[in-house]
Amino acid sequence: MNDTFKIFAGNLTIFFFLCASLISPTLVYAGEEIATVEEGQPAPFDGTLFNTEAAARLLVDLEFSQEACQIETTRQLQLQSAQLHLEIDVLQASKDSLQFRFDETLAIRNDHILYLEKKITKKKVPPEAVFAIGVLSGVALTIGAGYAIGQAANP
């Protein structure tokens, strides 16, 4: 059914095109005429005269040129906007990446500082206690060595 509709629409289009081309007279499209008028000829001023077709073509060309210029300007503006948005997105991604790297480095540094502070502030044995333990150890070792020698001498 879809193919028959396409064929019917195509035939209908061709029929209307043929009717329009046969009905409309070709004399209407006689051509553009432009004439230059100089002083002394029957005209109120010097200048250039256009027939209706030429004036219509100039008007259409002017409107087309304005629309084409507007379209090109809009296209260029959108292209520039897209490029700038791309640059902004790239810079934002770079900033986010650098911010993440900075935050991670800062966290590692802070953890290292806490580790070192714990090492420094760890409770240690006072130097006086170390000295006293050393002296007592030396005395005990001397007594033990003397006892051992005494036992070895008395069999």
Protein backbone atom coordinates (compact mmCIF):
# COMPACT_ATOMS: atom_id res chain seq x y z
CA MET A 1 0.00 0.00 0.00
CA ASN A 2 2.88 2.33 0.79
CA ASP A 3 4.42 1.84 -2.69
CA THR A 4 1.12 2.56 -4.45
CA PHE A 5 0.75 5.76 -2.43
CA LYS A 6 4.25 6.88 -3.46
CA ILE A 7 3.49 6.17 -7.12
CA PHE A 8 0.17 8.02 -6.91
CA ALA A 9 1.80 11.04 -5.19
CA GLY A 10 4.56 11.11 -7.83
CA ASN A 11 2.08 10.98 -10.73
CA LEU A 12 -0.06 13.68 -9.09
CA THR A 13 2.98 15.94 -8.70
CA ILE A 14 3.97 15.49 -12.35
CA PHE A 15 0.39 16.25 -13.45
CA PHE A 16 0.22 19.52 -11.49
CA PHE A 17 3.66 20.57 -12.74
CA LEU A 18 2.63 20.02 -16.37
CA CYS A 19 -0.64 21.89 -15.86
CA ALA A 20 1.14 24.85 -14.25
CA SER A 21 3.74 25.02 -17.02
CA LEU A 22 1.14 24.86 -19.80
CA ILE A 23 -1.33 27.28 -18.22
CA SER A 24 1.05 30.03 -17.18
CA PRO A 25 2.06 32.17 -20.16
CA THR A 26 5.72 32.55 -20.95
CA LEU A 27 5.19 36.18 -21.92
CA VAL A 28 5.11 37.08 -18.24
CA TYR A 29 8.78 36.17 -18.11
CA ALA A 30 9.75 38.53 -20.90
CA GLY A 31 12.97 39.54 -19.17
CA GLU A 32 14.44 42.35 -17.23
CA GLU A 33 14.98 45.72 -18.77
CA ILE A 34 17.23 48.43 -17.43
CA ALA A 35 17.53 51.80 -19.08
CA THR A 36 19.71 54.81 -18.34
CA VAL A 37 18.09 58.23 -18.55
CA GLU A 38 20.14 61.34 -19.10
CA GLU A 39 19.32 65.02 -18.86
CA GLY A 40 17.24 66.25 -21.75
CA GLN A 41 15.34 63.00 -22.20
CA PRO A 42 11.72 62.96 -21.02
CA ALA A 43 12.38 62.25 -17.30
CA PRO A 44 12.41 64.52 -14.26
CA PHE A 45 15.98 63.48 -13.27
CA ASP A 46 19.12 61.62 -14.34
CA GLY A 47 19.30 57.99 -13.28
CA THR A 48 18.48 54.42 -14.14
CA LEU A 49 15.03 52.99 -14.78
CA PHE A 50 14.11 49.39 -14.01
CA ASN A 51 11.10 47.49 -15.24
CA THR A 52 9.03 45.54 -12.70
CA GLU A 53 10.91 42.27 -13.22
CA ALA A 54 14.32 43.92 -12.75
CA ALA A 55 13.14 45.77 -9.64
CA ALA A 56 11.69 42.54 -8.23
CA ARG A 57 14.95 40.68 -8.90
CA LEU A 58 16.95 43.42 -7.17
CA LEU A 59 14.59 43.31 -4.20
CA VAL A 60 14.80 39.51 -3.98
CA ASP A 61 18.59 39.63 -4.32
CA LEU A 62 18.78 42.22 -1.54
CA GLU A 63 16.55 40.17 0.77
CA PHE A 64 18.41 36.97 -0.09
CA SER A 65 21.75 38.65 0.59
CA GLN A 66 20.54 39.90 3.97
CA GLU A 67 19.18 36.47 4.90
CA ALA A 68 22.35 34.73 3.69
CA CYS A 69 24.45 37.16 5.70
CA GLN A 70 22.29 36.59 8.77
CA ILE A 71 22.53 32.80 8.36
CA GLU A 72 26.31 32.93 7.94
CA THR A 73 26.66 35.26 10.93
CA THR A 74 24.52 32.94 13.06
CA ARG A 75 26.52 29.91 11.92
CA GLN A 76 29.84 31.58 12.71
CA LEU A 77 28.54 32.70 16.10
CA GLN A 78 27.37 29.19 16.96
CA LEU A 79 30.66 27.70 15.76
CA GLN A 80 32.65 30.15 17.89
CA SER A 81 30.36 29.48 20.86
CA ALA A 82 30.89 25.72 20.49
CA GLN A 83 34.66 26.15 20.31
CA LEU A 84 34.68 28.34 23.41
CA HIS A 85 32.48 25.86 25.29
CA LEU A 86 34.92 23.11 24.33
CA GLU A 87 37.85 25.16 25.65
CA ILE A 88 35.94 25.88 28.86
CA ASP A 89 35.14 22.17 29.31
CA VAL A 90 38.79 21.18 28.71
CA LEU A 91 40.02 23.79 31.19
CA GLN A 92 37.40 22.70 33.74
CA ALA A 93 38.50 19.07 33.39
CA SER A 94 42.13 20.12 33.82
CA LYS A 95 41.24 22.16 36.90
CA ASP A 96 39.29 19.27 38.40
CA SER A 97 42.19 16.89 37.75
CA LEU A 98 44.70 19.25 39.35
CA GLN A 99 42.38 19.86 42.31
CA PHE A 100 42.05 16.09 42.85
CA ARG A 101 45.82 15.67 42.66
CA PHE A 102 46.33 18.54 45.11
CA ASP A 103 43.79 17.12 47.58
CA GLU A 104 45.37 13.66 47.45
CA THR A 105 48.89 15.07 47.91
CA LEU A 106 47.67 17.17 50.84
CA ALA A 107 46.02 14.13 52.45
CA ILE A 108 49.23 12.08 52.08
CA ARG A 109 51.29 14.93 53.56
CA ASN A 110 48.93 15.31 56.51
CA ASP A 111 49.00 11.55 57.19
CA HIS A 112 52.80 11.60 57.11
CA ILE A 113 52.89 14.55 59.52
CA LEU A 114 50.58 12.71 61.94
CA TYR A 115 52.78 9.61 61.72
CA LEU A 116 55.91 11.62 62.49
CA GLU A 117 54.20 13.45 65.37
CA LYS A 118 53.19 10.11 66.89
CA LYS A 119 56.78 8.90 66.58
CA ILE A 120 58.10 12.01 68.29
CA THR A 121 55.52 12.15 71.07
CA LYS A 122 55.67 8.40 71.78
CA LYS A 123 56.20 7.76 75.51
CA LYS A 124 59.81 6.93 76.13
CA VAL A 125 61.62 5.67 79.19
CA PRO A 126 63.23 8.61 80.99
CA PRO A 127 67.04 8.77 80.74
CA GLU A 128 67.36 8.52 84.58
CA ALA A 129 65.46 5.23 84.54
CA VAL A 130 67.69 3.89 81.75
CA PHE A 131 70.80 4.84 83.80
CA ALA A 132 69.43 3.20 86.95
CA ILE A 133 68.48 0.01 85.08
CA GLY A 134 71.96 -0.09 83.52
CA VAL A 135 73.71 0.29 86.90
CA LEU A 136 71.48 -2.35 88.54
CA SER A 137 72.05 -4.71 85.61
CA GLY A 138 75.79 -4.23 85.87
CA VAL A 139 75.76 -4.87 89.63
CA ALA A 140 73.59 -7.99 89.18
CA LEU A 141 75.86 -9.26 86.41
CA THR A 142 78.94 -8.74 88.59
CA ILE A 143 77.36 -10.56 91.56
CA GLY A 144 76.24 -13.38 89.29
CA ALA A 145 79.71 -13.69 87.74
CA GLY A 146 81.36 -13.71 91.22
CA TYR A 147 78.96 -16.39 92.46
CA ALA A 148 79.60 -18.49 89.36
CA ILE A 149 83.40 -18.22 89.81
CA GLY A 150 83.04 -19.12 93.51
CA GLN A 151 81.04 -22.20 92.67
CA ALA A 152 83.51 -23.20 90.03
CA ALA A 153 86.45 -22.88 92.50
CA ASN A 154 84.77 -25.10 95.19
CA PRO A 155 84.21 -28.43 93.63
